[in-house]
Amino acid sequence: MLHIANAHGPALQRAVGEARVATKPRDGKAVLDTLYQLGCGKIRVPKTHGNWLEAVLINTSGGLTGGDRMDWGASAAPGTHLVVTTQACERIYRATSGAANVTSTLHIGAGARLDWLPQETILFDGSALDRTLTVDMAPDATFLGLESVILGREAHGEDAHSAAISDRWRIHRDGHLIHAEAARLDADDILGRTNMALLDGARAYATLCYVAPDSEQHIEKLKALVSRHPTAGVSRIGDKIVLRATGVSGYRLRKIIMPAIAALSGAGAVPKLWSL
């Protein structure tokens, strides 16, 4: 347990969690190779009816606030398929100081596939999140990755104007950087929330990235899917497809994202926990 100095009282306890999972091939299926857990970071591996292994990430602290830290890791061995999701939406609570820090590090071996499909992150008013996703993949591997954010609790009428997030992606393929982005939304950043070129008043947004040798086969169906939604767009560069979407609510965002995931997912659907 990490302790943070507090000028107004005793040191505050902070949540620290770390968990990693790795696959190996056996009889044409992906099976569990290694699993490591520390602190509030837990992983469960439910049974599936396919040839992939599904790993469910769990933060037993119930949410994160300033000074908390979570480190996730996932590795798909050559020729295996790993699907990673979360038990529920991650919640980032109001912070007295500092930001919650979340890092995710993924490795995808030759001919392997990793679907990184966590449920949404909900930013409460006054929260702060610093998040980094790093992917290292083989040239013939497949990666499907999603990160989505909901600003405030809709049922409480919260708009999370004082929430802040710094979000970074780095994807390396065969040792070369093929995708890098950094998004930042500061507390009380009215322009970022209302500008038509940015969120345009949306309460939820997502980035979906697909990197694979067969990306050309998927781009047209994705264009057809997003053509029904004026707040979504998709583009392809080489073997990489990037889809971005915003929504007035988390529900509306899912109406865009879930069909796209199903179209790209090696399992042909979103993880079952998404619908529970």
Protein backbone atom coordinates (compact mmCIF):
# COMPACT_ATOMS: atom_id res chain seq x y z
CA MET A 1 0.00 0.00 0.00
CA LEU A 2 1.38 3.41 -1.03
CA HIS A 3 1.13 6.39 1.36
CA ILE A 4 0.80 9.96 0.08
CA ALA A 5 1.70 12.96 2.25
CA ASN A 6 -1.29 15.11 3.19
CA ALA A 7 -0.70 18.66 4.41
CA HIS A 8 -4.06 18.67 6.19
CA GLY A 9 -3.70 15.44 8.13
CA PRO A 10 -2.03 12.02 8.28
CA ALA A 11 -0.63 10.33 5.18
CA LEU A 12 -3.33 8.98 2.89
CA GLN A 13 -3.32 5.36 1.82
CA ARG A 14 -3.22 4.87 -1.93
CA ALA A 15 -4.15 1.86 -4.02
CA VAL A 16 -1.37 0.09 -5.90
CA GLY A 17 -2.07 -2.81 -8.22
CA GLU A 18 -0.20 -4.82 -10.80
CA ALA A 19 -1.29 -7.83 -12.81
CA ARG A 20 0.09 -9.64 -15.86
CA VAL A 21 -1.14 -12.54 -17.95
CA ALA A 22 0.52 -14.55 -20.74
CA THR A 23 -0.63 -17.31 -23.06
CA LYS A 24 0.95 -20.37 -24.63
CA PRO A 25 -0.33 -22.71 -27.35
CA ARG A 26 -1.68 -26.17 -26.62
CA ASP A 27 -3.59 -28.42 -29.03
CA GLY A 28 -4.49 -25.52 -31.30
CA LYS A 29 -5.78 -23.34 -28.46
CA ALA A 30 -4.45 -20.55 -26.29
CA VAL A 31 -4.03 -21.59 -22.66
CA LEU A 32 -2.73 -19.83 -19.59
CA ASP A 33 1.05 -19.71 -19.31
CA THR A 34 1.74 -17.26 -16.49
CA LEU A 35 -0.39 -15.07 -14.23
CA TYR A 36 0.96 -12.52 -11.75
CA GLN A 37 -1.08 -10.42 -9.31
CA LEU A 38 -0.10 -7.77 -6.77
CA GLY A 39 -2.19 -5.52 -4.55
CA CYS A 40 -5.58 -4.54 -5.93
CA GLY A 41 -4.81 -5.79 -9.43
CA LYS A 42 -6.48 -9.13 -10.14
CA ILE A 43 -7.10 -11.26 -13.25
CA ARG A 44 -9.68 -13.98 -13.77
CA VAL A 45 -9.71 -16.41 -16.69
CA PRO A 46 -13.24 -17.65 -17.46
CA LYS A 47 -13.92 -20.63 -19.69
CA THR A 48 -14.60 -19.92 -23.36
CA HIS A 49 -15.91 -22.03 -26.22
CA GLY A 50 -13.36 -20.80 -28.74
CA ASN A 51 -9.64 -21.24 -29.28
CA TRP A 52 -8.80 -17.99 -27.49
CA LEU A 53 -8.03 -17.24 -23.86
CA GLU A 54 -10.08 -14.51 -22.18
CA ALA A 55 -8.59 -12.53 -19.31
CA VAL A 56 -10.73 -10.28 -17.12
CA LEU A 57 -8.98 -7.41 -15.34
CA ILE A 58 -10.30 -6.48 -11.90
CA ASN A 59 -9.43 -3.52 -9.69
CA THR A 60 -10.53 -4.65 -6.23
CA SER A 61 -10.15 -1.14 -4.80
CA GLY A 62 -13.38 -0.20 -6.58
CA GLY A 63 -11.93 2.80 -8.39
CA LEU A 64 -8.93 5.12 -8.56
CA THR A 65 -8.09 8.59 -7.31
CA GLY A 66 -5.06 10.88 -7.19
CA GLY A 67 -1.88 8.98 -6.32
CA ASP A 68 -3.30 5.52 -7.07
CA ARG A 69 -1.39 3.37 -9.55
CA MET A 70 -2.37 0.40 -11.72
CA ASP A 71 -0.03 -1.52 -14.04
CA TRP A 72 -1.51 -4.08 -16.43
CA GLY A 73 0.41 -6.44 -18.71
CA ALA A 74 -0.67 -8.99 -21.32
CA SER A 75 1.34 -11.20 -23.68
CA ALA A 76 0.04 -13.37 -26.51
CA ALA A 77 2.57 -16.06 -27.42
CA PRO A 78 3.19 -16.87 -31.09
CA GLY A 79 0.14 -18.42 -32.72
CA THR A 80 -2.25 -17.71 -29.82
CA HIS A 81 -5.27 -15.45 -29.37
CA LEU A 82 -5.76 -13.47 -26.16
CA VAL A 83 -8.83 -11.35 -25.37
CA VAL A 84 -8.50 -8.88 -22.49
CA THR A 85 -11.45 -7.02 -20.99
CA THR A 86 -12.51 -5.61 -17.62
CA GLN A 87 -15.08 -6.77 -15.10
CA ALA A 88 -16.74 -3.35 -15.11
CA CYS A 89 -16.18 0.27 -16.04
CA GLU A 90 -13.19 1.78 -14.25
CA ARG A 91 -14.10 4.75 -12.08
CA ILE A 92 -11.78 7.69 -11.50
CA TYR A 93 -12.87 9.59 -8.40
CA ARG A 94 -12.31 13.18 -7.30
CA ALA A 95 -8.66 13.74 -6.38
CA THR A 96 -7.36 15.89 -3.53
CA SER A 97 -3.99 16.06 -5.33
CA GLY A 98 -2.18 14.38 -8.21
CA ALA A 99 -3.57 12.01 -10.81
CA ALA A 100 -4.40 8.33 -10.92
CA ASN A 101 -1.81 6.55 -13.05
CA VAL A 102 -2.68 3.58 -15.28
CA THR A 103 -0.17 1.87 -17.57
CA SER A 104 -0.91 -1.05 -19.88
CA THR A 105 1.87 -2.93 -21.68
CA LEU A 106 1.03 -5.49 -24.36
CA HIS A 107 3.22 -7.96 -26.30
CA ILE A 108 1.97 -9.89 -29.34
CA GLY A 109 4.09 -12.67 -30.82
CA ALA A 110 4.41 -13.92 -34.39
CA GLY A 111 1.06 -14.87 -35.88
CA ALA A 112 -0.67 -14.09 -32.58
CA ARG A 113 -3.66 -11.89 -31.87
CA LEU A 114 -4.51 -9.71 -28.88
CA ASP A 115 -7.85 -7.96 -28.43
CA TRP A 116 -7.59 -5.20 -25.81
CA LEU A 117 -11.21 -4.36 -25.00
CA PRO A 118 -11.65 -2.77 -21.57
CA GLN A 119 -15.00 -1.27 -20.71
CA GLU A 120 -15.33 2.49 -20.42
CA THR A 121 -13.45 4.65 -17.95
CA ILE A 122 -15.78 7.03 -16.08
CA LEU A 123 -14.26 10.33 -14.98
CA PHE A 124 -15.99 11.82 -11.94
CA ASP A 125 -16.02 15.57 -11.38
CA GLY A 126 -12.67 16.68 -9.98
CA SER A 127 -10.85 13.52 -11.07
CA ALA A 128 -7.49 13.30 -12.84
CA LEU A 129 -6.13 10.40 -14.89
CA ASP A 130 -2.75 9.79 -16.52
CA ARG A 131 -2.99 6.74 -18.80
CA THR A 132 -0.49 5.07 -21.16
CA LEU A 133 -0.99 2.14 -23.54
CA THR A 134 2.12 0.56 -25.09
CA VAL A 135 2.00 -2.25 -27.66
CA ASP A 136 4.90 -4.28 -29.06
CA MET A 137 3.80 -6.59 -31.87
CA ALA A 138 5.33 -8.91 -34.46
CA PRO A 139 4.95 -7.93 -38.14
CA ASP A 140 2.34 -10.63 -38.83
CA ALA A 141 0.49 -10.24 -35.52
CA THR A 142 -2.99 -8.75 -35.07
CA PHE A 143 -3.96 -6.08 -32.55
CA LEU A 144 -7.43 -4.75 -31.81
CA GLY A 145 -7.41 -2.04 -29.15
CA LEU A 146 -10.03 0.18 -27.56
CA GLU A 147 -9.94 2.98 -25.01
CA SER A 148 -13.15 4.87 -24.19
CA VAL A 149 -14.06 7.59 -21.72
CA ILE A 150 -17.30 8.85 -20.19
CA LEU A 151 -17.26 12.34 -18.69
CA GLY A 152 -19.34 12.29 -15.54
CA ARG A 153 -22.22 10.21 -14.26
CA GLU A 154 -25.13 10.85 -16.58
CA ALA A 155 -27.76 9.67 -14.06
CA HIS A 156 -26.45 12.26 -11.58
CA GLY A 157 -26.48 15.05 -14.16
CA GLU A 158 -22.70 15.32 -13.84
CA ASP A 159 -20.74 16.86 -16.71
CA ALA A 160 -17.27 16.44 -15.11
CA HIS A 161 -16.11 19.89 -16.22
CA SER A 162 -13.37 19.79 -13.61
CA ALA A 163 -12.08 16.34 -14.65
CA ALA A 164 -8.73 16.01 -16.43
CA ILE A 165 -7.14 13.24 -18.49
CA SER A 166 -3.83 12.69 -20.26
CA ASP A 167 -3.96 9.69 -22.62
CA ARG A 168 -1.06 8.25 -24.65
CA TRP A 169 -0.82 5.40 -27.17
CA ARG A 170 2.40 3.91 -28.57
CA ILE A 171 2.25 0.94 -30.95
CA HIS A 172 5.46 -0.66 -32.24
CA ARG A 173 5.42 -3.23 -35.04
CA ASP A 174 8.57 -5.20 -35.75
CA GLY A 175 10.43 -2.65 -33.65
CA HIS A 176 9.12 0.37 -35.58
CA LEU A 177 6.76 2.97 -34.17
CA ILE A 178 3.62 2.86 -36.33
CA HIS A 179 1.14 4.71 -34.14
CA ALA A 180 1.59 7.46 -31.58
CA GLU A 181 -0.96 9.80 -30.13
CA ALA A 182 -1.38 11.96 -27.06
CA ALA A 183 -4.73 13.38 -26.02
CA ARG A 184 -5.19 15.79 -23.15
CA LEU A 185 -8.27 17.33 -21.61
CA ASP A 186 -7.63 19.77 -18.79
CA ALA A 187 -9.99 20.66 -15.98
CA ASP A 188 -12.43 23.42 -17.02
CA ASP A 189 -11.21 23.19 -20.64
CA ILE A 190 -14.41 24.62 -22.11
CA LEU A 191 -12.93 24.86 -25.63
CA GLY A 192 -11.95 21.18 -25.66
CA ARG A 193 -15.44 20.14 -24.60
CA THR A 194 -17.45 22.40 -26.90
CA ASN A 195 -15.35 23.01 -30.04
CA MET A 196 -16.78 21.27 -33.11
CA ALA A 197 -13.31 19.98 -34.00
CA LEU A 198 -12.96 18.35 -30.58
CA LEU A 199 -15.76 16.94 -28.36
CA ASP A 200 -18.51 19.29 -29.56
CA GLY A 201 -20.40 18.84 -26.31
CA ALA A 202 -20.14 15.03 -26.25
CA ARG A 203 -20.05 13.28 -22.87
CA ALA A 204 -18.32 10.14 -24.16
CA TYR A 205 -15.62 9.35 -26.69
CA ALA A 206 -13.57 6.38 -27.89
CA THR A 207 -10.64 5.35 -30.06
CA LEU A 208 -10.60 1.92 -31.69
CA CYS A 209 -7.43 0.78 -33.45
CA TYR A 210 -6.90 -2.32 -35.59
CA VAL A 211 -3.48 -3.34 -36.88
CA ALA A 212 -3.23 -6.50 -38.99
CA PRO A 213 -2.13 -7.77 -42.40
CA ASP A 214 -5.82 -8.16 -43.37
CA SER A 215 -6.92 -4.60 -42.54
CA GLU A 216 -7.86 -3.90 -46.17
CA GLN A 217 -10.59 -6.56 -45.94
CA HIS A 218 -12.36 -4.70 -43.12
CA ILE A 219 -12.27 -1.03 -44.01
CA GLU A 220 -15.33 -0.94 -46.28
CA LYS A 221 -17.66 -2.62 -43.78
CA LEU A 222 -16.45 -0.25 -41.08
CA LYS A 223 -17.12 2.73 -43.33
CA ALA A 224 -20.64 1.39 -43.86
CA LEU A 225 -21.13 1.05 -40.11
CA VAL A 226 -19.95 4.55 -39.19
CA SER A 227 -21.80 6.17 -42.10
CA ARG A 228 -24.95 5.84 -39.97
CA HIS A 229 -23.40 7.93 -37.21
CA PRO A 230 -22.41 11.57 -37.86
CA THR A 231 -20.18 11.61 -34.75
CA ALA A 232 -17.90 8.78 -35.91
CA GLY A 233 -15.20 8.40 -38.52
CA VAL A 234 -12.79 5.73 -39.70
CA SER A 235 -9.63 5.75 -41.81
CA ARG A 236 -6.97 3.30 -42.96
CA ILE A 237 -3.24 3.80 -43.51
CA GLY A 238 -1.36 0.70 -44.60
CA ASP A 239 -2.22 -2.14 -42.23
CA LYS A 240 -3.71 0.19 -39.61
CA ILE A 241 -7.34 1.21 -39.15
CA VAL A 242 -8.36 3.90 -36.66
CA LEU A 243 -11.97 4.58 -35.72
CA ARG A 244 -12.93 7.51 -33.52
CA ALA A 245 -16.37 8.24 -32.15
CA THR A 246 -18.15 10.53 -29.71
CA GLY A 247 -21.57 10.25 -28.12
CA VAL A 248 -23.95 12.27 -25.99
CA SER A 249 -23.90 9.34 -23.54
CA GLY A 250 -22.07 6.09 -22.90
CA TYR A 251 -25.06 4.21 -24.30
CA ARG A 252 -24.97 6.14 -27.57
CA LEU A 253 -21.24 5.58 -27.84
CA ARG A 254 -21.69 1.83 -27.41
CA LYS A 255 -24.23 1.81 -30.25
CA ILE A 256 -21.35 2.86 -32.50
CA ILE A 257 -18.46 0.94 -30.96
CA MET A 258 -19.99 -2.48 -30.30
CA PRO A 259 -20.85 -3.31 -33.96
CA ALA A 260 -17.34 -2.22 -34.98
CA ILE A 261 -15.76 -4.46 -32.34
CA ALA A 262 -17.94 -7.38 -33.44
CA ALA A 263 -16.86 -6.82 -37.06
CA LEU A 264 -13.17 -6.83 -36.15
CA SER A 265 -13.07 -9.20 -33.19
CA GLY A 266 -11.54 -12.61 -33.64
CA ALA A 267 -14.38 -13.90 -31.44
CA GLY A 268 -17.02 -12.30 -33.67
CA ALA A 269 -18.58 -10.39 -30.76
CA VAL A 270 -17.80 -8.13 -27.84
CA PRO A 271 -16.74 -9.88 -24.62
CA LYS A 272 -19.74 -11.30 -22.76
CA LEU A 273 -19.05 -9.15 -19.70
CA TRP A 274 -19.95 -6.10 -21.78
CA SER A 275 -23.59 -7.21 -21.79
CA LEU A 276 -23.92 -8.37 -18.17
